[in-house]
Amino acid sequence: MNGDMGRPGTDGDGVRERSNAVKEAWVRTNDEMAEIADRRRDEGWDVVSMPAVHTSPVSRDQGDDDRFGLVYMLPDNHAEPFSEAFDRGEFPEYQVYRNETDGYVYLVTEFVDPESDTIILVAGQYDIRLAKGMIKSALAKGRVHSHFKTVDGTALGSVRHGNPDPFLPDVDRA
């Protein structure tokens, strides 16, 4: 017997239903990404932008010590443009635009490589309830990683971020 049966906010299988606010937040996140992309192009940057199909918060307990962070699953039709842009630079700079709605974190991450005048924008969302291990790992190590892969699991690249705070939800971290 499933303990979530009949609990508000879940379907009969215990899966949390997404509210209209959650759906609207995802639309706003993608709209914000498009606006950022347009501004950066106007400033002369070469910009590649894409929404992740799925974003998973991964902790150190789930495998390789350096795999913790956010794993962005990118649509297959964005794999080649992402890889071409990613291979041009090292992306030492980043900016995170984050919002939280109904237990989800929505973010647009701007990966910046000034040497190649390239910016990669990725929109993602993750369930805060599933991020406790990642938050603990990021705070313990003082860093977080962004990993990118395709739907079939093909690794496209990774970036290490020295400050995990912009990626983490506003939760009690005690």
Protein backbone atom coordinates (compact mmCIF):
# COMPACT_ATOMS: atom_id res chain seq x y z
CA MET A 1 0.00 0.00 0.00
CA ASN A 2 1.36 3.38 -0.98
CA GLY A 3 1.53 5.91 1.85
CA ASP A 4 0.86 8.78 -0.57
CA MET A 5 -2.53 7.48 -1.70
CA GLY A 6 -5.03 10.28 -1.37
CA ARG A 7 -2.44 12.77 -0.09
CA PRO A 8 -3.02 16.23 -1.58
CA GLY A 9 -0.48 17.08 -4.26
CA THR A 10 0.14 13.49 -5.32
CA ASP A 11 -1.51 11.23 -7.82
CA GLY A 12 -2.63 7.71 -6.91
CA ASP A 13 0.90 6.38 -7.40
CA GLY A 14 2.48 8.85 -4.97
CA VAL A 15 3.96 10.96 -7.75
CA ARG A 16 3.80 14.66 -6.98
CA GLU A 17 1.50 16.51 -9.36
CA ARG A 18 2.72 19.73 -10.84
CA SER A 19 0.65 22.80 -10.11
CA ASN A 20 -0.17 25.48 -12.64
CA ALA A 21 2.32 27.70 -10.81
CA VAL A 22 5.05 25.13 -11.47
CA LYS A 23 4.17 24.93 -15.16
CA GLU A 24 4.04 28.72 -15.44
CA ALA A 25 7.41 29.02 -13.69
CA TRP A 26 8.98 26.75 -16.32
CA VAL A 27 7.52 28.89 -19.11
CA ARG A 28 8.85 32.06 -17.41
CA THR A 29 12.28 30.43 -17.00
CA ASN A 30 12.49 29.67 -20.71
CA ASP A 31 11.23 33.15 -21.59
CA GLU A 32 13.93 34.66 -19.36
CA MET A 33 16.56 32.50 -21.06
CA ALA A 34 15.42 33.78 -24.48
CA GLU A 35 15.60 37.40 -23.26
CA ILE A 36 19.13 36.88 -21.89
CA ALA A 37 20.19 35.24 -25.16
CA ASP A 38 18.85 38.19 -27.18
CA ARG A 39 20.66 40.72 -24.94
CA ARG A 40 23.96 38.85 -25.19
CA ARG A 41 23.69 38.55 -28.98
CA ASP A 42 23.05 42.30 -29.15
CA GLU A 43 26.26 42.75 -27.12
CA GLY A 44 28.20 40.71 -29.72
CA TRP A 45 28.41 37.31 -28.02
CA ASP A 46 27.99 34.01 -29.86
CA VAL A 47 25.11 32.43 -27.90
CA VAL A 48 23.75 28.90 -27.79
CA SER A 49 20.70 28.35 -25.58
CA MET A 50 18.58 25.33 -24.71
CA PRO A 51 16.21 23.96 -22.09
CA ALA A 52 17.16 20.73 -20.37
CA VAL A 53 14.69 17.88 -20.83
CA HIS A 54 15.44 16.86 -17.24
CA THR A 55 17.73 18.15 -14.48
CA SER A 56 18.91 15.80 -11.74
CA PRO A 57 20.53 16.91 -8.48
CA VAL A 58 23.24 14.32 -7.75
CA SER A 59 25.10 13.83 -4.44
CA ARG A 60 28.55 12.38 -3.73
CA ASP A 61 26.77 9.36 -2.24
CA GLN A 62 25.39 8.48 -5.67
CA GLY A 63 28.71 7.61 -7.27
CA ASP A 64 31.94 9.30 -8.28
CA ASP A 65 33.09 11.94 -5.79
CA ASP A 66 33.37 14.56 -8.55
CA ARG A 67 30.00 13.84 -10.17
CA PHE A 68 27.88 15.70 -7.62
CA GLY A 69 25.95 18.69 -8.75
CA LEU A 70 23.38 19.12 -11.47
CA VAL A 71 23.11 16.76 -14.41
CA TYR A 72 21.33 18.38 -17.33
CA MET A 73 19.81 16.03 -19.88
CA LEU A 74 19.76 17.91 -23.16
CA PRO A 75 17.50 17.18 -26.13
CA ASP A 76 19.25 15.30 -28.93
CA ASN A 77 18.62 18.15 -31.37
CA HIS A 78 20.70 20.45 -29.12
CA ALA A 79 23.64 18.07 -28.62
CA GLU A 80 25.63 19.19 -31.65
CA PRO A 81 25.20 22.97 -31.14
CA PHE A 82 26.02 22.51 -27.44
CA SER A 83 29.15 20.44 -28.18
CA GLU A 84 30.39 22.86 -30.84
CA ALA A 85 30.05 25.80 -28.45
CA PHE A 86 31.40 23.87 -25.45
CA ASP A 87 34.50 22.75 -27.37
CA ARG A 88 35.40 26.39 -28.13
CA GLY A 89 36.16 27.40 -24.57
CA GLU A 90 36.68 26.64 -20.91
CA PHE A 91 33.77 28.70 -19.51
CA PRO A 92 35.49 30.01 -16.38
CA GLU A 93 32.70 32.50 -15.70
CA TYR A 94 29.07 31.85 -14.97
CA GLN A 95 25.92 33.60 -13.85
CA VAL A 96 22.92 31.82 -12.35
CA TYR A 97 19.40 33.23 -12.52
CA ARG A 98 17.33 31.28 -10.00
CA ASN A 99 13.75 31.22 -8.80
CA GLU A 100 11.80 28.87 -6.56
CA THR A 101 8.13 27.93 -6.85
CA ASP A 102 6.12 25.23 -5.08
CA GLY A 103 9.14 23.17 -4.04
CA TYR A 104 11.03 23.41 -7.33
CA VAL A 105 14.14 25.36 -8.26
CA TYR A 106 14.14 26.96 -11.71
CA LEU A 107 17.39 28.23 -13.08
CA VAL A 108 19.04 29.59 -16.15
CA THR A 109 22.79 29.16 -16.06
CA GLU A 110 24.91 31.37 -18.26
CA PHE A 111 28.28 29.76 -19.00
CA VAL A 112 30.68 32.43 -20.26
CA ASP A 113 33.97 32.04 -22.14
CA PRO A 114 35.41 35.52 -22.77
CA GLU A 115 38.33 34.13 -24.82
CA SER A 116 36.01 32.78 -27.53
CA ASP A 117 33.17 35.30 -27.02
CA THR A 118 30.87 32.34 -26.43
CA ILE A 119 27.96 31.98 -24.02
CA ILE A 120 25.97 28.83 -23.40
CA LEU A 121 22.59 29.25 -21.68
CA VAL A 122 20.87 26.22 -20.16
CA ALA A 123 17.47 26.27 -18.45
CA GLY A 124 16.73 23.60 -15.87
CA GLN A 125 14.42 22.76 -13.00
CA TYR A 126 14.70 20.34 -10.11
CA ASP A 127 12.63 19.18 -7.15
CA ILE A 128 14.05 20.55 -3.88
CA ARG A 129 13.00 17.35 -2.06
CA LEU A 130 15.42 15.38 -4.24
CA ALA A 131 18.33 17.79 -3.75
CA LYS A 132 19.24 17.28 -0.08
CA GLY A 133 22.26 15.07 -0.87
CA MET A 134 23.53 17.45 -3.54
CA ILE A 135 23.16 20.42 -1.20
CA LYS A 136 25.08 18.58 1.54
CA SER A 137 27.83 17.56 -0.92
CA ALA A 138 28.14 21.05 -2.41
CA LEU A 139 28.36 22.75 0.97
CA ALA A 140 30.87 20.19 2.29
CA LYS A 141 33.15 20.57 -0.73
CA GLY A 142 32.56 24.28 -1.39
CA ARG A 143 31.86 23.65 -5.05
CA VAL A 144 29.31 22.17 -7.39
CA HIS A 145 29.44 20.76 -10.92
CA SER A 146 27.25 21.09 -13.99
CA HIS A 147 27.25 17.96 -16.15
CA PHE A 148 25.64 17.70 -19.55
CA LYS A 149 24.46 14.58 -21.34
CA THR A 150 22.04 13.54 -24.04
CA VAL A 151 18.87 11.53 -23.52
CA ASP A 152 20.77 8.31 -24.36
CA GLY A 153 23.39 9.14 -21.69
CA THR A 154 26.19 10.38 -23.95
CA ALA A 155 28.38 12.75 -21.91
CA LEU A 156 28.76 16.18 -23.51
CA GLY A 157 30.86 17.98 -20.92
CA SER A 158 31.21 19.19 -17.35
CA VAL A 159 31.98 22.48 -15.63
CA ARG A 160 33.17 22.94 -12.05
CA HIS A 161 31.86 25.97 -10.12
CA GLY A 162 33.83 27.25 -7.13
CA ASN A 163 30.79 28.77 -5.43
CA PRO A 164 27.79 26.44 -5.05
CA ASP A 165 25.42 29.00 -3.50
CA PRO A 166 23.82 30.34 -6.71
CA PHE A 167 22.73 26.82 -7.67
CA LEU A 168 21.20 25.91 -4.31
CA PRO A 169 17.70 26.62 -3.04
CA ASP A 170 17.05 28.95 -0.15
CA VAL A 171 16.65 26.23 2.47
CA ASP A 172 17.82 25.74 6.03
CA ARG A 173 21.39 24.49 5.56
CA ALA A 174 22.05 23.64 9.19
